[in-house]
Amino acid sequence: MSPSMTIILGTMLFGEPGACTVQRTSRNNTPSQAREVLDVFQSYGHKRLDTARTYGEGSCEPLLAAVGWKERGLNVDTKLFPSAGHPLERGTGYTYSATDVRRGLLDSLKALGAERVETFFLHGPDRNYPFEETVEEVNKLLVEGLRRGWPLPSVYEGHYNGLMRRTEDELFPCIRHYGIAFHVYSPLCSGFLTGQYSRGIKVADIPNLHLRALWNPLYFDGLDVLQAAATKNNLTLPELCLRWLVHHSNCGPLSEELVQAVDAAWFACRAGAPKYWY
């Protein structure tokens, strides 16, 4: 693994009992449960967390505050999703109007017990408001009106794994050109790359919205290629996929056969792959 590789813990499943994020119920509901996860994460030398205003229906950020993320020496990124009017939003939600962008970040800071966060993400597009209005307010939050314009984004967070690689064609060259970092979301394809799903499962029985977008025969064809390659080389499916993702990892480089197998799996399912943007 590259020494510059940053491992980030996603906290989407932290929150109050019964709270949902993208139709996935929170699993780490109490400070003691959250501390147990953080203890393991930090025992490997990692210290960066990813959260969002919408995670746990707003209960994730307060839980991180309750476990003392600052006192533990952790850094936190948070995100604001334009959730107003969304079918999964149970409250008033937020838009990307200037007023709501400011309100959203301030609500996150209050919930986290923080004066600032490491990175503030726009979690998805809101085409009901001009992009200029949104990013100018983000800039004001950064410098509070000391200059006009807006800062160049520093991070893009997106789906990327062995079976979701549309970002390679267009996005990766773009962010490399502008010096923007890429944070990988869903490295195991929302659990699809753990091997726990099979063709016989009906899409209506899949609670995860991201997984539903993959429910077509082509993705299972790609999964078969990966599973066969992993089994042949005495690797688990997640091990193969994660080692490929971090450029073969500290366990040593993958064989050319395995690298070609990951490419073949992507080729098998690419025609059915969803877009990398909303």
C-alpha atoms as a PDB file:
ATOM      1  CA  MET A   1       0.000   0.000   0.000  1.00  0.00           C
ATOM      2  CA  SER A   2       1.227   3.505  -0.771  1.00  0.00           C
ATOM      3  CA  PRO A   3       2.454   5.305   2.381  1.00  0.00           C
ATOM      4  CA  SER A   4       0.213   8.234   1.382  1.00  0.00           C
ATOM      5  CA  MET A   5      -2.932   6.080   1.400  1.00  0.00           C
ATOM      6  CA  THR A   6      -5.387   7.382   4.005  1.00  0.00           C
ATOM      7  CA  ILE A   7      -7.852   4.883   5.459  1.00  0.00           C
ATOM      8  CA  ILE A   8     -11.135   6.586   6.392  1.00  0.00           C
ATOM      9  CA  LEU A   9     -13.850   5.040   8.554  1.00  0.00           C
ATOM     10  CA  GLY A  10     -17.342   5.643   7.216  1.00  0.00           C
ATOM     11  CA  THR A  11     -19.891   6.086  10.014  1.00  0.00           C
ATOM     12  CA  MET A  12     -23.105   5.706   8.018  1.00  0.00           C
ATOM     13  CA  LEU A  13     -24.336   2.951  10.348  1.00  0.00           C
ATOM     14  CA  PHE A  14     -23.725   4.932  13.551  1.00  0.00           C
ATOM     15  CA  GLY A  15     -26.861   6.401  15.109  1.00  0.00           C
ATOM     16  CA  GLU A  16     -29.961   5.896  17.207  1.00  0.00           C
ATOM     17  CA  PRO A  17     -31.751   2.516  17.154  1.00  0.00           C
ATOM     18  CA  GLY A  18     -34.070   2.280  14.167  1.00  0.00           C
ATOM     19  CA  ALA A  19     -32.553   5.279  12.385  1.00  0.00           C
ATOM     20  CA  CYS A  20     -31.919   4.652   8.687  1.00  0.00           C
ATOM     21  CA  THR A  21     -29.501   5.911   6.061  1.00  0.00           C
ATOM     22  CA  VAL A  22     -30.268   4.959   2.449  1.00  0.00           C
ATOM     23  CA  GLN A  23     -32.668   2.363   3.904  1.00  0.00           C
ATOM     24  CA  ARG A  24     -29.910   0.805   6.025  1.00  0.00           C
ATOM     25  CA  THR A  25     -30.616   0.679   9.762  1.00  0.00           C
ATOM     26  CA  SER A  26     -27.993   1.944  12.199  1.00  0.00           C
ATOM     27  CA  ARG A  27     -26.020  -0.836  13.895  1.00  0.00           C
ATOM     28  CA  ASN A  28     -23.776   1.064  16.294  1.00  0.00           C
ATOM     29  CA  ASN A  29     -26.377   2.674  18.514  1.00  0.00           C
ATOM     30  CA  THR A  30     -24.643   3.403  21.815  1.00  0.00           C
ATOM     31  CA  PRO A  31     -21.425   5.171  22.813  1.00  0.00           C
ATOM     32  CA  SER A  32     -19.978   1.855  23.999  1.00  0.00           C
ATOM     33  CA  GLN A  33     -20.673   0.191  20.640  1.00  0.00           C
ATOM     34  CA  ALA A  34     -19.197   3.141  18.768  1.00  0.00           C
ATOM     35  CA  ARG A  35     -16.111   3.186  21.004  1.00  0.00           C
ATOM     36  CA  GLU A  36     -15.511  -0.493  20.309  1.00  0.00           C
ATOM     37  CA  VAL A  37     -15.427   0.179  16.563  1.00  0.00           C
ATOM     38  CA  LEU A  38     -13.218   3.247  16.987  1.00  0.00           C
ATOM     39  CA  ASP A  39     -10.823   1.360  19.261  1.00  0.00           C
ATOM     40  CA  VAL A  40     -10.195  -1.221  16.543  1.00  0.00           C
ATOM     41  CA  PHE A  41      -9.901   1.464  13.852  1.00  0.00           C
ATOM     42  CA  GLN A  42      -7.391   3.512  15.845  1.00  0.00           C
ATOM     43  CA  SER A  43      -5.403   0.451  16.903  1.00  0.00           C
ATOM     44  CA  TYR A  44      -4.189   0.289  13.296  1.00  0.00           C
ATOM     45  CA  GLY A  45      -3.020   3.895  13.371  1.00  0.00           C
ATOM     46  CA  HIS A  46      -5.947   5.447  11.495  1.00  0.00           C
ATOM     47  CA  LYS A  47      -7.642   8.641  12.627  1.00  0.00           C
ATOM     48  CA  ARG A  48      -9.996  10.035   9.981  1.00  0.00           C
ATOM     49  CA  LEU A  49     -13.788   9.660  10.078  1.00  0.00           C
ATOM     50  CA  ASP A  50     -16.426  10.326   7.442  1.00  0.00           C
ATOM     51  CA  THR A  51     -19.956  11.287   8.485  1.00  0.00           C
ATOM     52  CA  ALA A  52     -22.886  13.303   7.136  1.00  0.00           C
ATOM     53  CA  ARG A  53     -25.744  15.423   8.405  1.00  0.00           C
ATOM     54  CA  THR A  54     -28.200  12.825   7.116  1.00  0.00           C
ATOM     55  CA  TYR A  55     -26.514   9.751   8.630  1.00  0.00           C
ATOM     56  CA  GLY A  56     -28.673   8.059  11.220  1.00  0.00           C
ATOM     57  CA  GLU A  57     -31.377  10.619  10.414  1.00  0.00           C
ATOM     58  CA  GLY A  58     -29.221  13.238  12.100  1.00  0.00           C
ATOM     59  CA  SER A  59     -28.182  11.093  15.079  1.00  0.00           C
ATOM     60  CA  CYS A  60     -24.741   9.986  13.864  1.00  0.00           C
ATOM     61  CA  GLU A  61     -22.907  13.260  14.485  1.00  0.00           C
ATOM     62  CA  PRO A  62     -24.155  13.608  18.099  1.00  0.00           C
ATOM     63  CA  LEU A  63     -23.052  10.019  18.759  1.00  0.00           C
ATOM     64  CA  LEU A  64     -19.545  10.862  17.555  1.00  0.00           C
ATOM     65  CA  ALA A  65     -19.564  13.828  19.913  1.00  0.00           C
ATOM     66  CA  ALA A  66     -20.689  11.560  22.754  1.00  0.00           C
ATOM     67  CA  VAL A  67     -17.712   9.238  22.263  1.00  0.00           C
ATOM     68  CA  GLY A  68     -15.320  12.204  22.284  1.00  0.00           C
ATOM     69  CA  TRP A  69     -13.924  12.060  18.766  1.00  0.00           C
ATOM     70  CA  LYS A  70     -11.848  15.201  19.360  1.00  0.00           C
ATOM     71  CA  GLU A  71     -10.400  13.896  22.613  1.00  0.00           C
ATOM     72  CA  ARG A  72      -9.484  10.683  20.829  1.00  0.00           C
ATOM     73  CA  GLY A  73      -7.385  12.675  18.347  1.00  0.00           C
ATOM     74  CA  LEU A  74      -9.645  11.936  15.386  1.00  0.00           C
ATOM     75  CA  ASN A  75     -10.381  14.137  12.381  1.00  0.00           C
ATOM     76  CA  VAL A  76     -13.892  14.323  10.921  1.00  0.00           C
ATOM     77  CA  ASP A  77     -15.259  15.039   7.444  1.00  0.00           C
ATOM     78  CA  THR A  78     -18.973  15.715   7.081  1.00  0.00           C
ATOM     79  CA  LYS A  79     -21.395  16.108   4.196  1.00  0.00           C
ATOM     80  CA  LEU A  80     -24.629  17.947   3.446  1.00  0.00           C
ATOM     81  CA  PHE A  81     -27.179  16.206   1.229  1.00  0.00           C
ATOM     82  CA  PRO A  82     -30.007  18.238  -0.391  1.00  0.00           C
ATOM     83  CA  SER A  83     -32.625  16.125   1.363  1.00  0.00           C
ATOM     84  CA  ALA A  84     -35.634  18.475   1.319  1.00  0.00           C
ATOM     85  CA  GLY A  85     -38.461  16.700  -0.445  1.00  0.00           C
ATOM     86  CA  HIS A  86     -36.580  13.395  -0.596  1.00  0.00           C
ATOM     87  CA  PRO A  87     -38.822  10.403   0.187  1.00  0.00           C
ATOM     88  CA  LEU A  88     -36.419   9.209   2.902  1.00  0.00           C
ATOM     89  CA  GLU A  89     -36.262  12.605   4.639  1.00  0.00           C
ATOM     90  CA  ARG A  90     -38.492  12.628   7.722  1.00  0.00           C
ATOM     91  CA  GLY A  91     -37.834  16.220   8.721  1.00  0.00           C
ATOM     92  CA  THR A  92     -37.701  19.509   6.840  1.00  0.00           C
ATOM     93  CA  GLY A  93     -34.358  18.617   5.284  1.00  0.00           C
ATOM     94  CA  TYR A  94     -31.946  20.919   3.480  1.00  0.00           C
ATOM     95  CA  THR A  95     -31.539  22.436   0.038  1.00  0.00           C
ATOM     96  CA  TYR A  96     -28.425  23.952  -1.521  1.00  0.00           C
ATOM     97  CA  SER A  97     -29.716  27.467  -1.157  1.00  0.00           C
ATOM     98  CA  ALA A  98     -27.194  29.766   0.486  1.00  0.00           C
ATOM     99  CA  THR A  99     -29.286  29.834   3.662  1.00  0.00           C
ATOM    100  CA  ASP A 100     -29.564  26.068   3.941  1.00  0.00           C
ATOM    101  CA  VAL A 101     -25.913  25.399   3.101  1.00  0.00           C
ATOM    102  CA  ARG A 102     -24.929  27.620   6.009  1.00  0.00           C
ATOM    103  CA  ARG A 103     -27.594  26.119   8.275  1.00  0.00           C
ATOM    104  CA  GLY A 104     -26.518  22.603   7.372  1.00  0.00           C
ATOM    105  CA  LEU A 105     -22.857  23.098   8.208  1.00  0.00           C
ATOM    106  CA  LEU A 106     -23.638  24.963  11.412  1.00  0.00           C
ATOM    107  CA  ASP A 107     -26.040  22.186  12.440  1.00  0.00           C
ATOM    108  CA  SER A 108     -23.280  19.633  11.828  1.00  0.00           C
ATOM    109  CA  LEU A 109     -20.744  21.617  13.827  1.00  0.00           C
ATOM    110  CA  LYS A 110     -23.177  21.943  16.717  1.00  0.00           C
ATOM    111  CA  ALA A 111     -23.999  18.226  16.647  1.00  0.00           C
ATOM    112  CA  LEU A 112     -20.315  17.283  16.515  1.00  0.00           C
ATOM    113  CA  GLY A 113     -19.363  19.770  19.208  1.00  0.00           C
ATOM    114  CA  ALA A 114     -16.819  21.225  16.812  1.00  0.00           C
ATOM    115  CA  GLU A 115     -15.627  24.618  15.628  1.00  0.00           C
ATOM    116  CA  ARG A 116     -14.591  23.214  12.250  1.00  0.00           C
ATOM    117  CA  VAL A 117     -14.356  19.970  10.302  1.00  0.00           C
ATOM    118  CA  GLU A 118     -11.567  18.592   8.164  1.00  0.00           C
ATOM    119  CA  THR A 119     -13.604  18.586   4.940  1.00  0.00           C
ATOM    120  CA  PHE A 120     -17.143  19.767   4.139  1.00  0.00           C
ATOM    121  CA  PHE A 121     -18.692  17.882   1.220  1.00  0.00           C
ATOM    122  CA  LEU A 122     -21.645  18.705  -0.976  1.00  0.00           C
ATOM    123  CA  HIS A 123     -23.178  15.225  -0.824  1.00  0.00           C
ATOM    124  CA  GLY A 124     -25.082  15.330  -4.118  1.00  0.00           C
ATOM    125  CA  PRO A 125     -26.417  17.834  -6.661  1.00  0.00           C
ATOM    126  CA  ASP A 126     -29.382  20.141  -6.093  1.00  0.00           C
ATOM    127  CA  ARG A 127     -30.444  21.442  -9.480  1.00  0.00           C
ATOM    128  CA  ASN A 128     -33.136  23.676  -7.989  1.00  0.00           C
ATOM    129  CA  TYR A 129     -30.532  26.286  -7.047  1.00  0.00           C
ATOM    130  CA  PRO A 130     -27.771  27.907  -9.117  1.00  0.00           C
ATOM    131  CA  PHE A 131     -24.410  26.262  -8.577  1.00  0.00           C
ATOM    132  CA  GLU A 132     -22.886  29.712  -8.100  1.00  0.00           C
ATOM    133  CA  GLU A 133     -25.140  30.424  -5.126  1.00  0.00           C
ATOM    134  CA  THR A 134     -24.196  27.156  -3.466  1.00  0.00           C
ATOM    135  CA  VAL A 135     -20.432  27.315  -3.867  1.00  0.00           C
ATOM    136  CA  GLU A 136     -20.215  31.021  -3.098  1.00  0.00           C
ATOM    137  CA  GLU A 137     -21.837  30.282   0.253  1.00  0.00           C
ATOM    138  CA  VAL A 138     -19.386  27.437   0.800  1.00  0.00           C
ATOM    139  CA  ASN A 139     -16.614  29.924   0.149  1.00  0.00           C
ATOM    140  CA  LYS A 140     -18.136  32.408   2.600  1.00  0.00           C
ATOM    141  CA  LEU A 141     -18.184  29.691   5.222  1.00  0.00           C
ATOM    142  CA  LEU A 142     -14.491  29.195   4.555  1.00  0.00           C
ATOM    143  CA  VAL A 143     -13.366  32.809   4.581  1.00  0.00           C
ATOM    144  CA  GLU A 144     -16.550  34.642   5.736  1.00  0.00           C
ATOM    145  CA  GLY A 145     -16.709  37.050   2.830  1.00  0.00           C
ATOM    146  CA  LEU A 146     -13.076  38.207   2.787  1.00  0.00           C
ATOM    147  CA  ARG A 147     -12.836  37.546  -0.930  1.00  0.00           C
ATOM    148  CA  ARG A 148     -15.137  36.676  -3.808  1.00  0.00           C
ATOM    149  CA  GLY A 149     -15.181  33.529  -5.892  1.00  0.00           C
ATOM    150  CA  TRP A 150     -14.827  30.103  -4.346  1.00  0.00           C
ATOM    151  CA  PRO A 151     -12.039  27.659  -3.522  1.00  0.00           C
ATOM    152  CA  LEU A 152     -11.073  24.842  -5.838  1.00  0.00           C
ATOM    153  CA  PRO A 153     -12.556  21.624  -4.404  1.00  0.00           C
ATOM    154  CA  SER A 154      -9.911  19.621  -2.585  1.00  0.00           C
ATOM    155  CA  VAL A 155     -11.652  16.230  -2.411  1.00  0.00           C
ATOM    156  CA  TYR A 156     -14.100  14.199  -4.512  1.00  0.00           C
ATOM    157  CA  GLU A 157     -15.768  11.277  -2.760  1.00  0.00           C
ATOM    158  CA  GLY A 158     -17.220   8.649  -5.061  1.00  0.00           C
ATOM    159  CA  HIS A 159     -18.042   5.005  -5.675  1.00  0.00           C
ATOM    160  CA  TYR A 160     -15.044   2.976  -6.783  1.00  0.00           C
ATOM    161  CA  ASN A 161     -14.271  -0.724  -6.593  1.00  0.00           C
ATOM    162  CA  GLY A 162     -13.495  -3.634  -8.894  1.00  0.00           C
ATOM    163  CA  LEU A 163     -16.998  -3.633 -10.375  1.00  0.00           C
ATOM    164  CA  MET A 164     -17.644   0.123 -10.384  1.00  0.00           C
ATOM    165  CA  ARG A 165     -14.922   1.797 -12.439  1.00  0.00           C
ATOM    166  CA  ARG A 166     -16.697   4.361 -14.627  1.00  0.00           C
ATOM    167  CA  THR A 167     -14.747   7.060 -12.791  1.00  0.00           C
ATOM    168  CA  GLU A 168     -11.550   5.945 -14.547  1.00  0.00           C
ATOM    169  CA  ASP A 169     -12.541   7.221 -17.988  1.00  0.00           C
ATOM    170  CA  GLU A 170     -13.485  10.821 -17.264  1.00  0.00           C
ATOM    171  CA  LEU A 171     -13.347  11.730 -13.590  1.00  0.00           C
ATOM    172  CA  PHE A 172      -9.871  10.481 -12.684  1.00  0.00           C
ATOM    173  CA  PRO A 173      -8.086  12.415 -15.462  1.00  0.00           C
ATOM    174  CA  CYS A 174     -10.043  15.527 -14.441  1.00  0.00           C
ATOM    175  CA  ILE A 175      -9.223  15.422 -10.732  1.00  0.00           C
ATOM    176  CA  ARG A 176      -5.585  14.549 -11.439  1.00  0.00           C
ATOM    177  CA  HIS A 177      -5.370  17.614 -13.665  1.00  0.00           C
ATOM    178  CA  TYR A 178      -6.702  19.865 -10.904  1.00  0.00           C
ATOM    179  CA  GLY A 179      -4.873  18.168  -8.040  1.00  0.00           C
ATOM    180  CA  ILE A 180      -8.070  17.009  -6.334  1.00  0.00           C
ATOM    181  CA  ALA A 181      -7.904  14.003  -3.996  1.00  0.00           C
ATOM    182  CA  PHE A 182     -10.278  11.066  -4.405  1.00  0.00           C
ATOM    183  CA  HIS A 183     -11.922   9.390  -1.410  1.00  0.00           C
ATOM    184  CA  VAL A 184     -13.228   5.910  -2.222  1.00  0.00           C
ATOM    185  CA  TYR A 185     -16.773   5.184  -1.117  1.00  0.00           C
ATOM    186  CA  SER A 186     -18.142   1.626  -1.036  1.00  0.00           C
ATOM    187  CA  PRO A 187     -14.864  -0.286  -1.546  1.00  0.00           C
ATOM    188  CA  LEU A 188     -16.766  -3.591  -1.360  1.00  0.00           C
ATOM    189  CA  CYS A 189     -19.648  -2.399  -3.544  1.00  0.00           C
ATOM    190  CA  SER A 190     -22.167  -2.088  -0.681  1.00  0.00           C
ATOM    191  CA  GLY A 191     -21.372  -5.661   0.354  1.00  0.00           C
ATOM    192  CA  PHE A 192     -21.793  -7.138  -3.137  1.00  0.00           C
ATOM    193  CA  LEU A 193     -18.080  -8.014  -3.217  1.00  0.00           C
ATOM    194  CA  THR A 194     -18.306 -10.030  -0.005  1.00  0.00           C
ATOM    195  CA  GLY A 195     -20.024 -12.836  -1.912  1.00  0.00           C
ATOM    196  CA  GLN A 196     -23.110 -12.840   0.299  1.00  0.00           C
ATOM    197  CA  TYR A 197     -25.549 -12.195  -2.573  1.00  0.00           C
ATOM    198  CA  SER A 198     -26.663 -14.604  -5.282  1.00  0.00           C
ATOM    199  CA  ARG A 199     -28.735 -14.519  -8.446  1.00  0.00           C
ATOM    200  CA  GLY A 200     -31.745 -16.051  -6.710  1.00  0.00           C
ATOM    201  CA  ILE A 201     -32.364 -13.020  -4.493  1.00  0.00           C
ATOM    202  CA  LYS A 202     -35.154 -10.743  -5.703  1.00  0.00           C
ATOM    203  CA  VAL A 203     -34.328  -7.071  -6.107  1.00  0.00           C
ATOM    204  CA  ALA A 204     -37.398  -6.195  -4.004  1.00  0.00           C
ATOM    205  CA  ASP A 205     -35.727  -7.948  -1.063  1.00  0.00           C
ATOM    206  CA  ILE A 206     -32.597  -5.776  -1.275  1.00  0.00           C
ATOM    207  CA  PRO A 207     -32.862  -2.862   1.207  1.00  0.00           C
ATOM    208  CA  ASN A 208     -29.804  -0.976  -0.051  1.00  0.00           C
ATOM    209  CA  LEU A 209     -30.598   1.482  -2.853  1.00  0.00           C
ATOM    210  CA  HIS A 210     -27.033   1.368  -4.195  1.00  0.00           C
ATOM    211  CA  LEU A 211     -27.177  -2.419  -4.476  1.00  0.00           C
ATOM    212  CA  ARG A 212     -30.463  -2.316  -6.349  1.00  0.00           C
ATOM    213  CA  ALA A 213     -28.759  -0.379  -9.132  1.00  0.00           C
ATOM    214  CA  LEU A 214     -26.418  -3.343  -9.672  1.00  0.00           C
ATOM    215  CA  TRP A 215     -29.060  -6.059  -9.727  1.00  0.00           C
ATOM    216  CA  ASN A 216     -28.624  -7.376 -13.243  1.00  0.00           C
ATOM    217  CA  PRO A 217     -27.089 -10.557 -14.704  1.00  0.00           C
ATOM    218  CA  LEU A 218     -23.965  -8.743 -15.917  1.00  0.00           C
ATOM    219  CA  TYR A 219     -22.899  -7.880 -12.381  1.00  0.00           C
ATOM    220  CA  PHE A 220     -23.233 -11.479 -11.300  1.00  0.00           C
ATOM    221  CA  ASP A 221     -21.146 -12.484 -14.326  1.00  0.00           C
ATOM    222  CA  GLY A 222     -18.424 -10.126 -13.102  1.00  0.00           C
ATOM    223  CA  LEU A 223     -18.757 -11.477  -9.573  1.00  0.00           C
ATOM    224  CA  ASP A 224     -18.289 -15.033 -10.868  1.00  0.00           C
ATOM    225  CA  VAL A 225     -15.010 -14.032 -12.538  1.00  0.00           C
ATOM    226  CA  LEU A 226     -13.680 -12.492  -9.323  1.00  0.00           C
ATOM    227  CA  GLN A 227     -14.794 -15.374  -7.123  1.00  0.00           C
ATOM    228  CA  ALA A 228     -13.175 -17.955  -9.394  1.00  0.00           C
ATOM    229  CA  ALA A 229      -9.882 -16.024  -9.454  1.00  0.00           C
ATOM    230  CA  ALA A 230      -9.896 -15.571  -5.672  1.00  0.00           C
ATOM    231  CA  THR A 231     -10.622 -19.250  -5.013  1.00  0.00           C
ATOM    232  CA  LYS A 232      -7.924 -20.410  -7.430  1.00  0.00           C
ATOM    233  CA  ASN A 233      -5.336 -18.251  -5.625  1.00  0.00           C
ATOM    234  CA  ASN A 234      -6.436 -19.098  -2.062  1.00  0.00           C
ATOM    235  CA  LEU A 235      -7.796 -15.626  -1.386  1.00  0.00           C
ATOM    236  CA  THR A 236     -11.141 -14.536  -0.051  1.00  0.00           C
ATOM    237  CA  LEU A 237     -13.224 -12.408  -2.381  1.00  0.00           C
ATOM    238  CA  PRO A 238     -12.990  -9.296  -0.130  1.00  0.00           C
ATOM    239  CA  GLU A 239      -9.214  -9.773   0.190  1.00  0.00           C
ATOM    240  CA  LEU A 240      -8.769  -9.828  -3.574  1.00  0.00           C
ATOM    241  CA  CYS A 241     -10.968  -6.763  -4.090  1.00  0.00           C
ATOM    242  CA  LEU A 242      -9.445  -4.665  -1.307  1.00  0.00           C
ATOM    243  CA  ARG A 243      -5.871  -5.541  -2.257  1.00  0.00           C
ATOM    244  CA  TRP A 244      -6.566  -4.532  -5.841  1.00  0.00           C
ATOM    245  CA  LEU A 245      -8.188  -1.307  -4.680  1.00  0.00           C
ATOM    246  CA  VAL A 246      -5.155  -0.155  -2.678  1.00  0.00           C
ATOM    247  CA  HIS A 247      -2.806  -1.099  -5.511  1.00  0.00           C
ATOM    248  CA  HIS A 248      -1.973  -4.540  -4.205  1.00  0.00           C
ATOM    249  CA  SER A 249      -1.425  -3.479  -0.542  1.00  0.00           C
ATOM    250  CA  ASN A 250       1.252  -4.312   2.016  1.00  0.00           C
ATOM    251  CA  CYS A 251       0.634  -8.016   1.350  1.00  0.00           C
ATOM    252  CA  GLY A 252       2.627  -7.679  -1.840  1.00  0.00           C
ATOM    253  CA  PRO A 253       1.650  -7.204  -5.471  1.00  0.00           C
ATOM    254  CA  LEU A 254      -1.122  -9.288  -6.957  1.00  0.00           C
ATOM    255  CA  SER A 255      -0.138 -11.625  -9.755  1.00  0.00           C
ATOM    256  CA  GLU A 256      -0.708 -10.521 -13.326  1.00  0.00           C
ATOM    257  CA  GLU A 257      -3.344 -13.260 -13.552  1.00  0.00           C
ATOM    258  CA  LEU A 258      -5.343 -11.671 -10.718  1.00  0.00           C
ATOM    259  CA  VAL A 259      -5.014  -8.151 -12.105  1.00  0.00           C
ATOM    260  CA  GLN A 260      -6.281  -9.408 -15.450  1.00  0.00           C
ATOM    261  CA  ALA A 261      -9.151 -11.191 -13.690  1.00  0.00           C
ATOM    262  CA  VAL A 262     -10.300  -7.932 -12.067  1.00  0.00           C
ATOM    263  CA  ASP A 263     -10.141  -6.234 -15.470  1.00  0.00           C
ATOM    264  CA  ALA A 264     -12.106  -9.106 -17.023  1.00  0.00           C
ATOM    265  CA  ALA A 265     -14.758  -8.852 -14.310  1.00  0.00           C
ATOM    266  CA  TRP A 266     -15.205  -5.148 -15.021  1.00  0.00           C
ATOM    267  CA  PHE A 267     -15.402  -5.817 -18.751  1.00  0.00           C
ATOM    268  CA  ALA A 268     -18.121  -8.405 -18.084  1.00  0.00           C
ATOM    269  CA  CYS A 269     -20.394  -6.020 -16.181  1.00  0.00           C
ATOM    270  CA  ARG A 270     -19.459  -2.609 -17.565  1.00  0.00           C
ATOM    271  CA  ALA A 271     -22.398  -2.369 -19.972  1.00  0.00           C
ATOM    272  CA  GLY A 272     -24.777  -2.612 -17.009  1.00  0.00           C
ATOM    273  CA  ALA A 273     -22.861  -0.310 -14.669  1.00  0.00           C
ATOM    274  CA  PRO A 274     -24.670   2.752 -13.282  1.00  0.00           C
ATOM    275  CA  LYS A 275     -23.339   6.275 -13.743  1.00  0.00           C
ATOM    276  CA  TYR A 276     -20.841   7.484 -11.180  1.00  0.00           C
ATOM    277  CA  TRP A 277     -22.781  10.708 -10.631  1.00  0.00           C
ATOM    278  CA  TYR A 278     -26.358  11.413  -9.549  1.00  0.00           C
END
